[in-house]
Amino acid sequence: MSEIATTKLSSKGQVVIPEEIRRRLGLEPGAQFVVIGDRDVVVLKAIHPPDMRQFDKLVGQARRAAKRAGMKRSDVEAVVREVREGK
């Protein structure tokens, strides 16, 4: 069930998420969010890094997509090198 609470924006642009909501959602200090603003609505969506099993699955999907696209490891290395050099 959704819970409604009020909060304020500080002079530094910070917003406090009420304790009960933080506790219910399991939000800890350092939690990261995607912030979406549309007119007078602000949405905070907590983001969580994938666990290693999820990460391995994502890497596998990326490798298969690269193979289907005909990319080689040298292609990826060249692009990484270009980005690092600022070109």
Foldseek 3Di string as FASTA:
>chain_A
DDDDDDWDQDPVRDTDDDPVVCVVVVPDPPFDWDWDDDDPDIDTHTDDDDDVVVVVVVVVVVVVVCVVVVHDPVNVVVVVVCVVVPD
